[in-house]
Amino acid sequence: MPGGIYAALAMAIAARTDVTFVLAVHVLRVVLVMFTMPLFARLLRRRAGLSG
């Protein structure tokens, strides 16, 4: 969902869904991105033949 956690929470409240679950999923998504993107960037840098 575009807009981040605040937009997702607003939509969850408006849709009367489990807000705690929605928040947990979005926090997990952010944490996963924080850990995987540096690894992905390193892999891309190696494939491009750049050093550093």
PDB file of N, CA and C in Angstrom:
ATOM      1  N   MET A   1       0.851  -1.178   0.000  1.00  0.00           N
ATOM      2  CA  MET A   1       0.000   0.000   0.000  1.00  0.00           C
ATOM      3  C   MET A   1       0.897   1.242   0.000  1.00  0.00           C
ATOM      4  N   PRO A   2       0.715   2.121  -0.958  1.00  0.00           N
ATOM      5  CA  PRO A   2       1.515   3.354  -0.963  1.00  0.00           C
ATOM      6  C   PRO A   2       1.114   4.258   0.201  1.00  0.00           C
ATOM      7  N   GLY A   3       2.078   4.996   0.699  1.00  0.00           N
ATOM      8  CA  GLY A   3       1.781   5.937   1.770  1.00  0.00           C
ATOM      9  C   GLY A   3       2.338   5.535   3.117  1.00  0.00           C
ATOM     10  N   GLY A   4       2.798   4.332   3.230  1.00  0.00           N
ATOM     11  CA  GLY A   4       3.459   3.916   4.450  1.00  0.00           C
ATOM     12  C   GLY A   4       2.516   3.425   5.537  1.00  0.00           C
ATOM     13  N   ILE A   5       3.067   3.361   6.722  1.00  0.00           N
ATOM     14  CA  ILE A   5       2.374   2.769   7.863  1.00  0.00           C
ATOM     15  C   ILE A   5       1.144   3.575   8.263  1.00  0.00           C
ATOM     16  N   TYR A   6       1.237   4.897   8.232  1.00  0.00           N
ATOM     17  CA  TYR A   6       0.108   5.718   8.667  1.00  0.00           C
ATOM     18  C   TYR A   6      -1.101   5.541   7.759  1.00  0.00           C
ATOM     19  N   ALA A   7      -0.868   5.481   6.465  1.00  0.00           N
ATOM     20  CA  ALA A   7      -1.972   5.261   5.526  1.00  0.00           C
ATOM     21  C   ALA A   7      -2.562   3.872   5.705  1.00  0.00           C
ATOM     22  N   ALA A   8      -1.706   2.889   5.937  1.00  0.00           N
ATOM     23  CA  ALA A   8      -2.194   1.523   6.140  1.00  0.00           C
ATOM     24  C   ALA A   8      -3.040   1.434   7.408  1.00  0.00           C
ATOM     25  N   LEU A   9      -2.616   2.110   8.454  1.00  0.00           N
ATOM     26  CA  LEU A   9      -3.397   2.093   9.695  1.00  0.00           C
ATOM     27  C   LEU A   9      -4.729   2.800   9.519  1.00  0.00           C
ATOM     28  N   ALA A  10      -4.731   3.912   8.794  1.00  0.00           N
ATOM     29  CA  ALA A  10      -5.991   4.615   8.546  1.00  0.00           C
ATOM     30  C   ALA A  10      -6.952   3.738   7.758  1.00  0.00           C
ATOM     31  N   MET A  11      -6.427   3.038   6.753  1.00  0.00           N
ATOM     32  CA  MET A  11      -7.281   2.141   5.964  1.00  0.00           C
ATOM     33  C   MET A  11      -7.773   0.959   6.809  1.00  0.00           C
ATOM     34  N   ALA A  12      -6.925   0.451   7.676  1.00  0.00           N
ATOM     35  CA  ALA A  12      -7.325  -0.674   8.529  1.00  0.00           C
ATOM     36  C   ALA A  12      -8.426  -0.252   9.502  1.00  0.00           C
ATOM     37  N   ILE A  13      -8.313   0.943  10.033  1.00  0.00           N
ATOM     38  CA  ILE A  13      -9.350   1.441  10.944  1.00  0.00           C
ATOM     39  C   ILE A  13     -10.653   1.665  10.190  1.00  0.00           C
ATOM     40  N   ALA A  14     -10.548   2.257   8.997  1.00  0.00           N
ATOM     41  CA  ALA A  14     -11.749   2.521   8.203  1.00  0.00           C
ATOM     42  C   ALA A  14     -12.429   1.228   7.765  1.00  0.00           C
ATOM     43  N   ALA A  15     -11.634   0.191   7.487  1.00  0.00           N
ATOM     44  CA  ALA A  15     -12.193  -1.082   7.039  1.00  0.00           C
ATOM     45  C   ALA A  15     -12.582  -1.982   8.202  1.00  0.00           C
ATOM     46  N   ARG A  16     -12.320  -1.527   9.414  1.00  0.00           N
ATOM     47  CA  ARG A  16     -12.628  -2.292  10.635  1.00  0.00           C
ATOM     48  C   ARG A  16     -11.976  -3.674  10.633  1.00  0.00           C
ATOM     49  N   THR A  17     -10.682  -3.672  10.304  1.00  0.00           N
ATOM     50  CA  THR A  17      -9.916  -4.915  10.325  1.00  0.00           C
ATOM     51  C   THR A  17      -9.030  -4.930  11.569  1.00  0.00           C
ATOM     52  N   ASP A  18      -8.203  -5.943  11.676  1.00  0.00           N
ATOM     53  CA  ASP A  18      -7.306  -6.087  12.822  1.00  0.00           C
ATOM     54  C   ASP A  18      -6.122  -5.130  12.651  1.00  0.00           C
ATOM     55  N   VAL A  19      -6.160  -4.019  13.350  1.00  0.00           N
ATOM     56  CA  VAL A  19      -5.141  -2.978  13.218  1.00  0.00           C
ATOM     57  C   VAL A  19      -3.786  -3.477  13.694  1.00  0.00           C
ATOM     58  N   THR A  20      -3.761  -4.289  14.733  1.00  0.00           N
ATOM     59  CA  THR A  20      -2.505  -4.815  15.246  1.00  0.00           C
ATOM     60  C   THR A  20      -1.805  -5.684  14.202  1.00  0.00           C
ATOM     61  N   PHE A  21      -2.573  -6.506  13.517  1.00  0.00           N
ATOM     62  CA  PHE A  21      -1.995  -7.356  12.480  1.00  0.00           C
ATOM     63  C   PHE A  21      -1.449  -6.523  11.327  1.00  0.00           C
ATOM     64  N   VAL A  22      -2.193  -5.524  10.901  1.00  0.00           N
ATOM     65  CA  VAL A  22      -1.749  -4.666   9.805  1.00  0.00           C
ATOM     66  C   VAL A  22      -0.460  -3.947  10.191  1.00  0.00           C
ATOM     67  N   LEU A  23      -0.402  -3.429  11.398  1.00  0.00           N
ATOM     68  CA  LEU A  23       0.801  -2.750  11.877  1.00  0.00           C
ATOM     69  C   LEU A  23       1.983  -3.716  11.923  1.00  0.00           C
ATOM     70  N   ALA A  24       1.766  -4.923  12.410  1.00  0.00           N
ATOM     71  CA  ALA A  24       2.846  -5.908  12.502  1.00  0.00           C
ATOM     72  C   ALA A  24       3.385  -6.280  11.123  1.00  0.00           C
ATOM     73  N   VAL A  25       2.493  -6.444  10.156  1.00  0.00           N
ATOM     74  CA  VAL A  25       2.928  -6.801   8.806  1.00  0.00           C
ATOM     75  C   VAL A  25       3.760  -5.676   8.197  1.00  0.00           C
ATOM     76  N   HIS A  26       3.346  -4.449   8.390  1.00  0.00           N
ATOM     77  CA  HIS A  26       4.083  -3.337   7.803  1.00  0.00           C
ATOM     78  C   HIS A  26       5.421  -3.102   8.499  1.00  0.00           C
ATOM     79  N   VAL A  27       5.477  -3.296   9.789  1.00  0.00           N
ATOM     80  CA  VAL A  27       6.759  -3.178  10.500  1.00  0.00           C
ATOM     81  C   VAL A  27       7.701  -4.287  10.044  1.00  0.00           C
ATOM     82  N   LEU A  28       7.190  -5.496   9.883  1.00  0.00           N
ATOM     83  CA  LEU A  28       8.002  -6.604   9.387  1.00  0.00           C
ATOM     84  C   LEU A  28       8.522  -6.303   7.984  1.00  0.00           C
ATOM     85  N   ARG A  29       7.680  -5.708   7.156  1.00  0.00           N
ATOM     86  CA  ARG A  29       8.100  -5.342   5.793  1.00  0.00           C
ATOM     87  C   ARG A  29       9.248  -4.338   5.830  1.00  0.00           C
ATOM     88  N   VAL A  30       9.159  -3.344   6.696  1.00  0.00           N
ATOM     89  CA  VAL A  30      10.223  -2.342   6.795  1.00  0.00           C
ATOM     90  C   VAL A  30      11.520  -2.978   7.281  1.00  0.00           C
ATOM     91  N   VAL A  31      11.435  -3.842   8.270  1.00  0.00           N
ATOM     92  CA  VAL A  31      12.628  -4.504   8.805  1.00  0.00           C
ATOM     93  C   VAL A  31      13.261  -5.402   7.739  1.00  0.00           C
ATOM     94  N   LEU A  32      12.435  -6.131   6.996  1.00  0.00           N
ATOM     95  CA  LEU A  32      12.959  -6.978   5.926  1.00  0.00           C
ATOM     96  C   LEU A  32      13.683  -6.158   4.866  1.00  0.00           C
ATOM     97  N   VAL A  33      13.115  -5.039   4.496  1.00  0.00           N
ATOM     98  CA  VAL A  33      13.750  -4.186   3.495  1.00  0.00           C
ATOM     99  C   VAL A  33      15.069  -3.639   4.027  1.00  0.00           C
ATOM    100  N   MET A  34      15.108  -3.267   5.289  1.00  0.00           N
ATOM    101  CA  MET A  34      16.342  -2.734   5.872  1.00  0.00           C
ATOM    102  C   MET A  34      17.473  -3.754   5.842  1.00  0.00           C
ATOM    103  N   PHE A  35      17.155  -5.041   5.980  1.00  0.00           N
ATOM    104  CA  PHE A  35      18.192  -6.056   5.993  1.00  0.00           C
ATOM    105  C   PHE A  35      18.532  -6.588   4.605  1.00  0.00           C
ATOM    106  N   THR A  36      17.555  -6.641   3.716  1.00  0.00           N
ATOM    107  CA  THR A  36      17.823  -7.243   2.416  1.00  0.00           C
ATOM    108  C   THR A  36      18.387  -6.270   1.392  1.00  0.00           C
ATOM    109  N   MET A  37      18.040  -5.017   1.452  1.00  0.00           N
ATOM    110  CA  MET A  37      18.505  -4.078   0.431  1.00  0.00           C
ATOM    111  C   MET A  37      20.019  -3.874   0.435  1.00  0.00           C
ATOM    112  N   PRO A  38      20.694  -3.780   1.574  1.00  0.00           N
ATOM    113  CA  PRO A  38      22.160  -3.688   1.516  1.00  0.00           C
ATOM    114  C   PRO A  38      22.797  -4.924   0.876  1.00  0.00           C
ATOM    115  N   LEU A  39      22.248  -6.102   1.140  1.00  0.00           N
ATOM    116  CA  LEU A  39      22.773  -7.317   0.518  1.00  0.00           C
ATOM    117  C   LEU A  39      22.538  -7.290  -0.992  1.00  0.00           C
ATOM    118  N   PHE A  40      21.372  -6.857  -1.389  1.00  0.00           N
ATOM    119  CA  PHE A  40      21.047  -6.759  -2.808  1.00  0.00           C
ATOM    120  C   PHE A  40      21.941  -5.735  -3.504  1.00  0.00           C
ATOM    121  N   ALA A  41      22.198  -4.612  -2.852  1.00  0.00           N
ATOM    122  CA  ALA A  41      23.068  -3.587  -3.437  1.00  0.00           C
ATOM    123  C   ALA A  41      24.489  -4.114  -3.594  1.00  0.00           C
ATOM    124  N   ARG A  42      24.968  -4.870  -2.613  1.00  0.00           N
ATOM    125  CA  ARG A  42      26.295  -5.465  -2.702  1.00  0.00           C
ATOM    126  C   ARG A  42      26.383  -6.447  -3.860  1.00  0.00           C
ATOM    127  N   LEU A  43      25.345  -7.244  -4.032  1.00  0.00           N
ATOM    128  CA  LEU A  43      25.308  -8.194  -5.136  1.00  0.00           C
ATOM    129  C   LEU A  43      25.320  -7.469  -6.483  1.00  0.00           C
ATOM    130  N   LEU A  44      24.536  -6.426  -6.611  1.00  0.00           N
ATOM    131  CA  LEU A  44      24.513  -5.663  -7.853  1.00  0.00           C
ATOM    132  C   LEU A  44      25.861  -4.994  -8.132  1.00  0.00           C
ATOM    133  N   ARG A  45      26.497  -4.508  -7.093  1.00  0.00           N
ATOM    134  CA  ARG A  45      27.800  -3.858  -7.269  1.00  0.00           C
ATOM    135  C   ARG A  45      28.835  -4.872  -7.756  1.00  0.00           C
ATOM    136  N   ARG A  46      28.791  -6.092  -7.212  1.00  0.00           N
ATOM    137  CA  ARG A  46      29.723  -7.139  -7.653  1.00  0.00           C
ATOM    138  C   ARG A  46      29.476  -7.525  -9.107  1.00  0.00           C
ATOM    139  N   ARG A  47      28.218  -7.627  -9.477  1.00  0.00           N
ATOM    140  CA  ARG A  47      27.886  -8.000 -10.866  1.00  0.00           C
ATOM    141  C   ARG A  47      28.300  -6.925 -11.839  1.00  0.00           C
ATOM    142  N   ALA A  48      28.287  -5.677 -11.406  1.00  0.00           N
ATOM    143  CA  ALA A  48      28.681  -4.574 -12.289  1.00  0.00           C
ATOM    144  C   ALA A  48      30.202  -4.457 -12.372  1.00  0.00           C
ATOM    145  N   GLY A  49      30.910  -5.145 -11.476  1.00  0.00           N
ATOM    146  CA  GLY A  49      32.368  -5.120 -11.504  1.00  0.00           C
ATOM    147  C   GLY A  49      32.963  -3.916 -10.807  1.00  0.00           C
ATOM    148  N   LEU A  50      32.185  -3.276  -9.965  1.00  0.00           N
ATOM    149  CA  LEU A  50      32.700  -2.127  -9.215  1.00  0.00           C
ATOM    150  C   LEU A  50      33.332  -2.591  -7.931  1.00  0.00           C
ATOM    151  N   SER A  51      34.340  -1.889  -7.481  1.00  0.00           N
ATOM    152  CA  SER A  51      34.983  -2.247  -6.221  1.00  0.00           C
ATOM    153  C   SER A  51      34.545  -1.265  -5.148  1.00  0.00           C
ATOM    154  N   GLY A  52      34.751  -1.671  -3.905  1.00  0.00           N
ATOM    155  CA  GLY A  52      34.449  -0.736  -2.833  1.00  0.00           C
ATOM    156  C   GLY A  52      33.730  -1.306  -1.741  1.00  0.00           C
TER     157      GLY A  52
END
